[in-house]
Amino acid sequence: MPNTEFDYQSIELEQVTCPICNSADFEQLATVDRYHMGISTSGCRHCGLIMTNPRPVVTAMDNFYRYNYRDYYESVDVPDAAYIKKIQKDVRARYPTDCLERAGALENASRILDYGCGEGSLLRELATRHPQLTREAVELGETFRAFAREYGSCTVYPDLESMQATSQGNYDLIIVNHVLEHIMRPNQLLAELGKLLSEAGQIYIDVPAVEGYRSVASLHIGHMYHFSVHSLSALATTSGFRVESIKHHQPPNHPVSTHCFISRQTVKPYPADADSDDRETIWPNIRNIERNAWKFRITSSTMYKAVMYIPRRVAGLVSRKHT
């Protein structure tokens, strides 16, 4: 558990409607999470989307990201070369760049936007391979934004509003790489980003795949939404996009994920009342995570780690003694 003063139980929560079908009819699937906060993971009975509900109000999450997020997820307040090496951010950046190149998304692109760029490793990789690109980004974290500006050698805005006020927009590619699951109103974000695309522009989205969840570690405060192929496709189409491609993949140092390309081309409306097999295939898995949460609590405890360390330490000493 991170050393932090953040107390989930003391913040204001609110019930929200589903961003896909606007239903307020939810079923609670789990009340366990990685950091033992008591987060409620629920499923929309209408379309099957899995999300945190009730959830913290926007101001509470803004404060969390401003003051506590790095304590839980990054362990640093100011990124540097050592951080990039330790977390292997450069390795992580090469993988999505490869994906974009294989899909041909960079062939005719001249302007790109990385929404939620972090410390800027992906921007740096793109600059190395495609120096002709005009690269811009949005990053909420002040210290990460400052580092990304230098490390990625590009313009980085503090939020979408300031970017819209000064940027030309008209992007050929917008990247939302392991960010959408954090957003409080993902449908609104996609709609706003869509206005910034060029006529033939695309948005590349990558999110953790809820189909691959196996333990409580996958449920935590940072992820408001848990997308399946079905629910991510539904969110895109109800936000005014056409899904060009979508599939599971395995990025390095990440869980099994789902990535897709969406465009503003002619959209086939999503039938919001269609049945989703997520309720039959994925909801039971989330309930099973709740039932087996005790295993995660044991294996993540300090005492368990200490006990498991002893035989490895003894084996190491024995091995060195006989060499």
Protein backbone atom coordinates (compact mmCIF):
# COMPACT_ATOMS: atom_id res chain seq x y z
CA MET A 1 0.00 0.00 0.00
CA PRO A 2 1.44 3.40 -0.95
CA ASN A 3 2.31 5.82 1.80
CA THR A 4 -0.47 8.33 1.20
CA GLU A 5 -3.15 10.25 3.09
CA PHE A 6 -5.81 9.53 0.47
CA ASP A 7 -8.99 8.11 2.08
CA TYR A 8 -11.51 6.78 -0.43
CA GLN A 9 -14.18 6.27 2.22
CA SER A 10 -14.22 9.98 3.09
CA ILE A 11 -14.75 11.38 -0.41
CA GLU A 12 -18.08 12.16 -2.04
CA LEU A 13 -19.51 9.50 -4.35
CA GLU A 14 -22.24 9.76 -6.95
CA GLN A 15 -24.40 7.40 -8.98
CA VAL A 16 -23.98 8.02 -12.71
CA THR A 17 -25.67 6.80 -15.86
CA CYS A 18 -24.04 4.59 -18.47
CA PRO A 19 -22.06 6.56 -21.10
CA ILE A 20 -23.11 4.07 -23.79
CA CYS A 21 -26.87 3.68 -23.34
CA ASN A 22 -27.62 6.29 -20.65
CA SER A 23 -29.24 3.68 -18.42
CA ALA A 24 -29.27 4.13 -14.64
CA ASP A 25 -29.96 0.44 -14.00
CA PHE A 26 -26.79 -1.14 -12.58
CA GLU A 27 -25.92 -4.35 -10.76
CA GLN A 28 -23.05 -4.50 -8.28
CA LEU A 29 -20.49 -7.13 -9.29
CA ALA A 30 -17.64 -6.58 -6.81
CA THR A 31 -16.70 -4.51 -3.78
CA VAL A 32 -13.02 -5.46 -3.67
CA ASP A 33 -10.07 -3.72 -5.31
CA ARG A 34 -6.30 -3.66 -5.46
CA TYR A 35 -5.83 -1.05 -2.72
CA HIS A 36 -8.64 -2.22 -0.40
CA MET A 37 -10.61 1.02 -0.81
CA GLY A 38 -14.07 -0.53 -1.08
CA ILE A 39 -14.64 0.47 -4.70
CA SER A 40 -17.93 -0.72 -6.20
CA THR A 41 -17.52 -2.32 -9.64
CA SER A 42 -20.92 -2.51 -11.33
CA GLY A 43 -22.42 -3.58 -14.62
CA CYS A 44 -25.02 -1.81 -16.73
CA ARG A 45 -28.01 -4.16 -16.98
CA HIS A 46 -28.96 -2.60 -20.33
CA CYS A 47 -25.76 -2.83 -22.41
CA GLY A 48 -23.33 -4.76 -20.17
CA LEU A 49 -20.64 -2.07 -19.65
CA ILE A 50 -18.59 -2.62 -16.48
CA MET A 51 -17.56 0.50 -14.55
CA THR A 52 -17.10 2.05 -11.12
CA ASN A 53 -20.57 3.04 -9.88
CA PRO A 54 -21.15 4.79 -7.56
CA ARG A 55 -17.92 6.64 -8.18
CA PRO A 56 -16.03 9.68 -6.83
CA VAL A 57 -17.32 13.04 -7.99
CA VAL A 58 -15.20 14.85 -10.57
CA THR A 59 -13.60 17.25 -8.06
CA ALA A 60 -12.53 14.32 -5.85
CA MET A 61 -10.85 12.56 -8.78
CA ASP A 62 -9.22 15.79 -9.92
CA ASN A 63 -7.67 16.10 -6.45
CA PHE A 64 -6.65 12.44 -6.51
CA TYR A 65 -4.80 12.86 -9.80
CA ARG A 66 -3.24 16.10 -8.62
CA TYR A 67 -2.01 14.91 -5.22
CA ASN A 68 -2.15 11.11 -4.95
CA TYR A 69 -2.07 9.35 -8.31
CA ARG A 70 1.71 9.17 -8.65
CA ASP A 71 2.00 7.71 -5.13
CA TYR A 72 -0.08 4.74 -6.20
CA TYR A 73 0.95 4.18 -9.80
CA GLU A 74 4.28 5.78 -10.62
CA SER A 75 6.19 6.14 -7.32
CA VAL A 76 7.82 9.33 -8.62
CA ASP A 77 6.73 12.96 -8.68
CA VAL A 78 9.29 14.10 -11.24
CA PRO A 79 10.28 11.77 -14.11
CA ASP A 80 13.91 11.40 -15.16
CA ALA A 81 16.16 9.05 -17.13
CA ALA A 82 16.36 6.59 -14.22
CA TYR A 83 12.56 6.42 -14.05
CA ILE A 84 12.29 5.73 -17.78
CA LYS A 85 14.84 2.94 -17.51
CA LYS A 86 13.28 1.40 -14.41
CA ILE A 87 9.72 1.36 -15.78
CA GLN A 88 10.99 0.53 -19.30
CA LYS A 89 9.04 3.38 -20.79
CA ASP A 90 11.21 3.34 -23.90
CA VAL A 91 10.37 -0.33 -24.48
CA ARG A 92 6.68 0.38 -23.96
CA ALA A 93 6.85 3.26 -26.47
CA ARG A 94 8.32 1.14 -29.25
CA TYR A 95 5.41 -1.31 -29.20
CA PRO A 96 2.53 1.09 -30.02
CA THR A 97 4.72 2.79 -32.60
CA ASP A 98 5.19 -0.59 -34.27
CA CYS A 99 1.41 -1.11 -34.16
CA LEU A 100 0.76 2.27 -35.77
CA GLU A 101 3.31 1.60 -38.49
CA ARG A 102 1.93 -1.86 -39.31
CA ALA A 103 -1.56 -0.37 -39.60
CA GLY A 104 -0.29 2.32 -41.99
CA ALA A 105 -1.56 5.06 -39.68
CA LEU A 106 1.62 7.12 -40.02
CA GLU A 107 2.14 6.85 -43.78
CA ASN A 108 0.21 9.96 -44.78
CA ALA A 109 0.00 11.65 -41.39
CA SER A 110 1.44 15.12 -40.91
CA ARG A 111 -0.12 16.17 -37.57
CA ILE A 112 -0.66 13.95 -34.52
CA LEU A 113 -1.90 14.47 -30.97
CA ASP A 114 -1.02 12.23 -28.01
CA TYR A 115 -3.76 12.68 -25.41
CA GLY A 116 -2.36 11.80 -21.97
CA CYS A 117 1.27 11.57 -23.05
CA GLY A 118 2.81 11.05 -19.58
CA GLU A 119 6.54 11.68 -19.66
CA GLY A 120 6.60 11.74 -23.49
CA SER A 121 8.33 8.46 -24.38
CA LEU A 122 5.92 7.70 -27.22
CA LEU A 123 6.36 11.19 -28.64
CA ARG A 124 10.12 10.75 -28.54
CA GLU A 125 9.90 7.40 -30.35
CA LEU A 126 7.65 8.88 -33.01
CA ALA A 127 10.04 11.80 -33.49
CA THR A 128 12.94 9.41 -33.96
CA ARG A 129 11.19 7.36 -36.62
CA HIS A 130 9.06 10.07 -38.26
CA PRO A 131 10.76 13.45 -37.80
CA GLN A 132 8.43 15.05 -40.36
CA LEU A 133 5.46 14.74 -38.02
CA THR A 134 4.09 17.77 -36.22
CA ARG A 135 3.60 16.37 -32.73
CA GLU A 136 1.43 17.86 -29.99
CA ALA A 137 0.17 16.43 -26.72
CA VAL A 138 -2.03 16.92 -23.68
CA GLU A 139 -0.80 15.96 -20.19
CA LEU A 140 -2.52 16.97 -16.96
CA GLY A 141 0.46 16.30 -14.65
CA GLU A 142 2.59 19.44 -14.35
CA THR A 143 6.00 17.80 -13.79
CA PHE A 144 5.34 15.09 -16.37
CA ARG A 145 4.16 17.71 -18.82
CA ALA A 146 7.34 19.76 -18.35
CA PHE A 147 9.51 16.68 -18.82
CA ALA A 148 7.56 15.55 -21.91
CA ARG A 149 7.98 18.96 -23.49
CA GLU A 150 11.77 18.55 -23.45
CA TYR A 151 12.05 14.76 -23.78
CA GLY A 152 9.56 14.56 -26.64
CA SER A 153 10.61 17.87 -28.19
CA CYS A 154 7.06 19.00 -28.83
CA THR A 155 4.23 21.23 -27.66
CA VAL A 156 2.41 19.85 -24.60
CA TYR A 157 -0.81 21.43 -23.29
CA PRO A 158 -2.16 21.14 -19.73
CA ASP A 159 -5.69 20.29 -20.86
CA LEU A 160 -7.93 19.99 -23.88
CA GLU A 161 -9.40 23.47 -23.45
CA SER A 162 -6.03 25.25 -23.63
CA MET A 163 -5.03 23.10 -26.58
CA GLN A 164 -8.23 23.96 -28.46
CA ALA A 165 -7.66 27.67 -27.80
CA THR A 166 -4.21 27.78 -29.39
CA SER A 167 -3.71 24.71 -31.63
CA GLN A 168 -4.67 24.45 -35.28
CA GLY A 169 -6.22 21.04 -34.63
CA ASN A 170 -6.90 19.12 -37.85
CA TYR A 171 -4.98 16.06 -36.65
CA ASP A 172 -4.47 13.06 -38.91
CA LEU A 173 -4.01 10.81 -35.89
CA ILE A 174 -4.99 11.16 -32.23
CA ILE A 175 -3.51 8.63 -29.80
CA VAL A 176 -5.34 7.69 -26.59
CA ASN A 177 -2.99 5.04 -25.21
CA HIS A 178 -4.11 3.46 -21.91
CA VAL A 179 -5.93 6.65 -20.96
CA LEU A 180 -9.62 6.22 -21.86
CA GLU A 181 -10.26 3.87 -18.93
CA HIS A 182 -9.25 6.71 -16.57
CA ILE A 183 -11.60 9.33 -18.04
CA MET A 184 -14.73 10.28 -16.10
CA ARG A 185 -16.80 10.98 -19.22
CA PRO A 186 -15.21 8.97 -22.06
CA ASN A 187 -18.06 9.59 -24.50
CA GLN A 188 -17.65 13.34 -24.13
CA LEU A 189 -13.88 13.11 -24.57
CA LEU A 190 -14.22 11.09 -27.77
CA ALA A 191 -16.77 13.55 -29.13
CA GLU A 192 -14.42 16.49 -28.43
CA LEU A 193 -11.43 14.69 -29.95
CA GLY A 194 -13.48 13.87 -33.02
CA LYS A 195 -13.90 17.59 -33.72
CA LEU A 196 -10.11 17.89 -33.94
CA LEU A 197 -9.61 15.24 -36.63
CA SER A 198 -8.80 15.95 -40.24
CA GLU A 199 -11.29 14.69 -42.83
CA ALA A 200 -9.60 11.29 -43.07
CA GLY A 201 -8.19 11.31 -39.53
CA GLN A 202 -8.35 8.44 -37.06
CA ILE A 203 -8.20 7.93 -33.32
CA TYR A 204 -6.09 5.07 -31.96
CA ILE A 205 -7.32 3.72 -28.62
CA ASP A 206 -5.68 1.14 -26.38
CA VAL A 207 -7.25 -0.03 -23.10
CA PRO A 208 -6.90 -3.00 -20.72
CA ALA A 209 -9.12 -5.87 -21.87
CA VAL A 210 -11.67 -6.81 -19.20
CA GLU A 211 -11.83 -10.25 -20.86
CA GLY A 212 -8.34 -10.87 -19.46
CA TYR A 213 -8.99 -9.91 -15.82
CA ARG A 214 -7.91 -12.64 -13.40
CA SER A 215 -7.50 -11.02 -9.98
CA VAL A 216 -8.35 -8.06 -7.77
CA ALA A 217 -5.22 -6.34 -9.11
CA SER A 218 -7.23 -5.36 -12.21
CA LEU A 219 -9.79 -3.40 -10.15
CA HIS A 220 -8.51 -0.11 -8.78
CA ILE A 221 -9.31 3.57 -8.44
CA GLY A 222 -7.45 4.70 -11.54
CA HIS A 223 -9.68 2.73 -13.90
CA MET A 224 -13.24 4.04 -14.00
CA TYR A 225 -14.20 1.76 -16.90
CA HIS A 226 -13.44 -1.85 -17.82
CA PHE A 227 -13.92 -2.22 -21.57
CA SER A 228 -14.57 -5.35 -23.58
CA VAL A 229 -14.41 -5.50 -27.37
CA HIS A 230 -18.19 -5.17 -27.33
CA SER A 231 -18.44 -2.22 -24.94
CA LEU A 232 -15.53 -0.29 -26.48
CA SER A 233 -17.09 -0.67 -29.92
CA ALA A 234 -20.45 0.44 -28.54
CA LEU A 235 -18.92 3.50 -26.85
CA ALA A 236 -17.19 4.51 -30.09
CA THR A 237 -20.29 4.22 -32.24
CA THR A 238 -22.59 5.99 -29.77
CA SER A 239 -19.98 8.79 -29.64
CA GLY A 240 -20.28 9.25 -33.41
CA PHE A 241 -17.48 7.05 -34.76
CA ARG A 242 -17.07 4.05 -36.99
CA VAL A 243 -14.85 1.24 -35.70
CA GLU A 244 -12.32 0.47 -38.44
CA SER A 245 -10.56 -2.34 -36.57
CA ILE A 246 -10.49 -3.75 -33.04
CA LYS A 247 -8.71 -6.70 -31.44
CA HIS A 248 -6.92 -8.00 -28.36
CA HIS A 249 -3.13 -7.87 -28.07
CA GLN A 250 -0.37 -8.13 -25.48
CA PRO A 251 1.74 -4.96 -25.09
CA PRO A 252 4.93 -5.25 -23.00
CA ASN A 253 4.63 -4.49 -19.28
CA HIS A 254 0.85 -4.19 -19.61
CA PRO A 255 -2.11 -6.52 -19.12
CA VAL A 256 -3.85 -8.11 -22.08
CA SER A 257 -5.34 -5.14 -23.90
CA THR A 258 -7.75 -4.12 -26.65
CA HIS A 259 -6.72 -1.64 -29.31
CA CYS A 260 -8.75 -0.13 -32.09
CA PHE A 261 -8.86 2.52 -34.80
CA ILE A 262 -11.98 4.65 -35.10
CA SER A 263 -12.88 7.31 -37.66
CA ARG A 264 -15.54 9.94 -38.32
CA GLN A 265 -16.60 8.25 -41.55
CA THR A 266 -20.20 7.13 -42.10
CA VAL A 267 -21.40 5.61 -38.85
CA LYS A 268 -23.81 2.72 -38.46
CA PRO A 269 -25.86 3.57 -35.34
CA TYR A 270 -25.27 1.25 -32.40
CA PRO A 271 -28.45 -0.59 -31.31
CA ALA A 272 -28.40 0.49 -27.67
CA ASP A 273 -30.97 -2.12 -26.64
CA ALA A 274 -29.07 -5.06 -28.14
CA ASP A 275 -28.18 -7.86 -25.77
CA SER A 276 -24.53 -8.13 -24.82
CA ASP A 277 -22.90 -11.44 -24.03
CA ASP A 278 -20.65 -9.54 -21.57
CA ARG A 279 -23.29 -10.18 -18.94
CA GLU A 280 -23.03 -13.92 -19.53
CA THR A 281 -19.29 -14.28 -20.14
CA ILE A 282 -17.57 -11.43 -18.28
CA TRP A 283 -19.81 -10.55 -15.36
CA PRO A 284 -19.38 -14.03 -13.79
CA ASN A 285 -15.61 -13.56 -13.96
CA ILE A 286 -15.80 -10.26 -12.05
CA ARG A 287 -17.96 -11.95 -9.41
CA ASN A 288 -15.40 -14.75 -9.21
CA ILE A 289 -12.66 -12.16 -8.60
CA GLU A 290 -14.68 -10.97 -5.60
CA ARG A 291 -14.99 -14.53 -4.25
CA ASN A 292 -11.26 -15.15 -4.57
CA ALA A 293 -10.08 -11.77 -3.29
CA TRP A 294 -8.64 -13.43 -0.17
CA LYS A 295 -5.90 -14.99 -2.32
CA PHE A 296 -4.75 -11.58 -3.53
CA ARG A 297 -4.78 -10.18 0.01
CA ILE A 298 -2.54 -13.02 1.20
CA THR A 299 -0.08 -12.95 -1.71
CA SER A 300 0.22 -9.15 -1.61
CA SER A 301 0.82 -8.97 2.13
CA THR A 302 4.24 -7.99 3.50
CA MET A 303 4.43 -11.13 5.64
CA TYR A 304 3.73 -13.41 2.66
CA LYS A 305 6.40 -11.71 0.55
CA ALA A 306 8.90 -12.04 3.41
CA VAL A 307 8.15 -15.73 3.88
CA MET A 308 8.40 -16.42 0.13
CA TYR A 309 11.71 -14.52 0.01
CA ILE A 310 13.42 -16.81 2.55
CA PRO A 311 13.75 -19.98 0.40
CA ARG A 312 14.89 -17.91 -2.59
CA ARG A 313 17.51 -16.22 -0.44
CA VAL A 314 18.72 -19.55 1.00
CA ALA A 315 18.86 -21.08 -2.47
CA GLY A 316 20.94 -18.15 -3.67
CA LEU A 317 23.41 -18.49 -0.83
CA VAL A 318 23.73 -22.25 -1.40
CA SER A 319 24.26 -21.72 -5.11
CA ARG A 320 27.06 -19.20 -4.53
CA LYS A 321 28.68 -21.49 -1.96
CA HIS A 322 29.01 -24.30 -4.50
CA THR A 323 30.32 -22.17 -7.37
